[in-house]
Amino acid sequence: MLLDPDYGKCPIIQLAREPSMSTVTVLPLGLELEVEDSQTVMTAAHQAGYVWPTECEANASCGLCVSIIREGAENCGAMPDDERETLERTMGMVDPARRLACRLTVTGPVTLTKRGVRPAEEA
């Protein structure tokens, strides 16, 4: 008598996971953005109808989207190489409190300062 090797095993069910959201507060505007896990702050701003200063269209080459982290630095994602290179080239150094919004991802609440962020209809 042969037994079915899969008899009695429970099927594996994969559940769709809701993306985790974090709040990023942008000063001095007072804007509160909801940012998904793998989303950049700049992308979240664009999707919410805001313009973030940039010339390179989020390619991490111009450095104009640099923002100052005021609170929640521990919730900022790792700095990718292209962001590090641009900060070194444009600022002469890498300061963990200064991040490019086009590369910044977050896993918890963050407050940052970036002048020039405005609603798209004002652009």
Protein backbone atom coordinates (compact mmCIF):
# COMPACT_ATOMS: atom_id res chain seq x y z
CA MET A 1 0.00 0.00 0.00
CA LEU A 2 1.39 3.45 -1.03
CA LEU A 3 0.68 6.57 0.96
CA ASP A 4 0.27 9.96 -0.60
CA PRO A 5 3.26 12.01 0.70
CA ASP A 6 1.11 15.17 0.76
CA TYR A 7 -1.76 13.59 2.68
CA GLY A 8 -2.58 15.57 5.80
CA LYS A 9 -0.42 18.58 4.95
CA CYS A 10 -2.01 21.98 5.20
CA PRO A 11 -1.86 24.11 2.07
CA ILE A 12 0.26 27.24 2.28
CA ILE A 13 -1.85 30.33 1.98
CA GLN A 14 -0.17 33.61 1.23
CA LEU A 15 -2.11 36.62 2.36
CA ALA A 16 -1.77 39.95 0.63
CA ARG A 17 0.03 42.26 3.01
CA GLU A 18 -1.15 45.83 3.32
CA PRO A 19 1.74 48.26 2.85
CA SER A 20 2.86 49.81 6.09
CA MET A 21 2.44 53.59 6.20
CA SER A 22 4.53 56.16 8.05
CA THR A 23 3.86 59.85 8.57
CA VAL A 24 6.44 62.37 7.39
CA THR A 25 5.90 65.95 8.54
CA VAL A 26 7.39 68.54 6.17
CA LEU A 27 8.28 71.90 7.71
CA PRO A 28 7.83 74.84 7.39
CA LEU A 29 4.73 73.96 5.32
CA GLY A 30 3.30 71.72 8.06
CA LEU A 31 2.43 69.09 5.46
CA GLU A 32 1.81 65.55 6.74
CA LEU A 33 2.54 62.87 4.14
CA GLU A 34 1.61 59.22 4.39
CA VAL A 35 4.58 57.28 2.98
CA GLU A 36 4.56 53.55 2.16
CA ASP A 37 7.46 51.29 3.23
CA SER A 38 9.35 51.19 -0.07
CA GLN A 39 8.21 54.60 -1.33
CA THR A 40 10.44 57.68 -1.29
CA VAL A 41 9.32 60.86 0.43
CA MET A 42 9.42 62.72 -2.90
CA THR A 43 7.20 60.13 -4.61
CA ALA A 44 4.69 60.32 -1.76
CA ALA A 45 4.65 64.12 -2.05
CA HIS A 46 4.04 63.96 -5.81
CA GLN A 47 1.23 61.44 -5.33
CA ALA A 48 -0.34 63.72 -2.72
CA GLY A 49 -0.30 66.63 -5.21
CA TYR A 50 2.83 68.48 -4.08
CA VAL A 51 5.91 69.65 -5.93
CA TRP A 52 9.32 68.98 -4.37
CA PRO A 53 12.24 71.13 -5.62
CA THR A 54 14.41 69.19 -8.09
CA GLU A 55 16.14 69.58 -11.46
CA CYS A 56 17.11 65.94 -12.07
CA GLU A 57 13.57 64.53 -11.75
CA ALA A 58 14.44 62.22 -8.83
CA ASN A 59 17.67 60.76 -10.25
CA ALA A 60 19.76 61.66 -7.17
CA SER A 61 22.11 63.80 -9.22
CA CYS A 62 21.25 67.48 -8.59
CA GLY A 63 21.02 67.54 -4.79
CA LEU A 64 18.23 70.14 -4.77
CA CYS A 65 15.83 67.87 -2.87
CA VAL A 66 18.15 67.71 0.16
CA SER A 67 16.13 67.90 3.37
CA ILE A 68 17.12 68.28 7.01
CA ILE A 69 15.94 65.51 9.32
CA ARG A 70 14.67 67.11 12.56
CA GLU A 71 13.14 64.09 14.29
CA GLY A 72 12.97 60.36 13.59
CA ALA A 73 16.40 59.81 12.04
CA GLU A 74 16.25 56.25 13.40
CA ASN A 75 13.25 55.66 11.11
CA CYS A 76 15.11 56.66 7.94
CA GLY A 77 16.16 53.93 5.51
CA ALA A 78 19.78 53.23 4.66
CA MET A 79 21.50 55.78 2.46
CA PRO A 80 22.09 54.37 -1.04
CA ASP A 81 25.42 54.91 -2.81
CA ASP A 82 24.07 57.41 -5.36
CA GLU A 83 22.65 59.58 -2.58
CA ARG A 84 25.95 59.45 -0.66
CA GLU A 85 27.91 60.40 -3.81
CA THR A 86 25.62 63.36 -4.57
CA LEU A 87 25.80 64.67 -1.01
CA GLU A 88 29.61 64.42 -1.07
CA ARG A 89 29.77 66.22 -4.42
CA THR A 90 27.23 68.97 -3.67
CA MET A 91 27.86 69.54 0.04
CA GLY A 92 31.43 68.37 0.44
CA MET A 93 30.45 65.86 3.13
CA VAL A 94 27.85 63.35 4.22
CA ASP A 95 25.78 64.43 7.20
CA PRO A 96 23.21 61.82 8.32
CA ALA A 97 20.80 64.66 9.16
CA ARG A 98 20.72 65.73 5.49
CA ARG A 99 18.99 63.36 3.09
CA LEU A 100 17.80 63.48 -0.51
CA ALA A 101 14.01 63.19 -0.59
CA CYS A 102 14.25 61.34 -3.91
CA ARG A 103 16.03 58.47 -2.12
CA LEU A 104 14.70 58.77 1.44
CA THR A 105 12.48 55.92 2.60
CA VAL A 106 11.05 55.69 6.11
CA THR A 107 9.79 53.02 8.50
CA GLY A 108 8.26 55.27 11.14
CA PRO A 109 7.45 58.92 11.85
CA VAL A 110 9.92 61.52 10.59
CA THR A 111 9.92 65.32 10.73
CA LEU A 112 12.04 67.15 8.19
CA THR A 113 12.59 70.65 6.87
CA LYS A 114 12.51 71.48 3.17
CA ARG A 115 11.70 74.94 1.86
CA GLY A 116 10.04 75.19 -1.53
CA VAL A 117 7.63 72.25 -1.21
CA ARG A 118 4.26 73.51 -2.46
CA PRO A 119 0.94 72.32 -3.86
CA ALA A 120 1.22 71.41 -7.56
CA GLU A 121 -1.44 73.97 -8.56
CA GLU A 122 0.93 76.74 -7.39
CA ALA A 123 3.74 75.49 -9.63
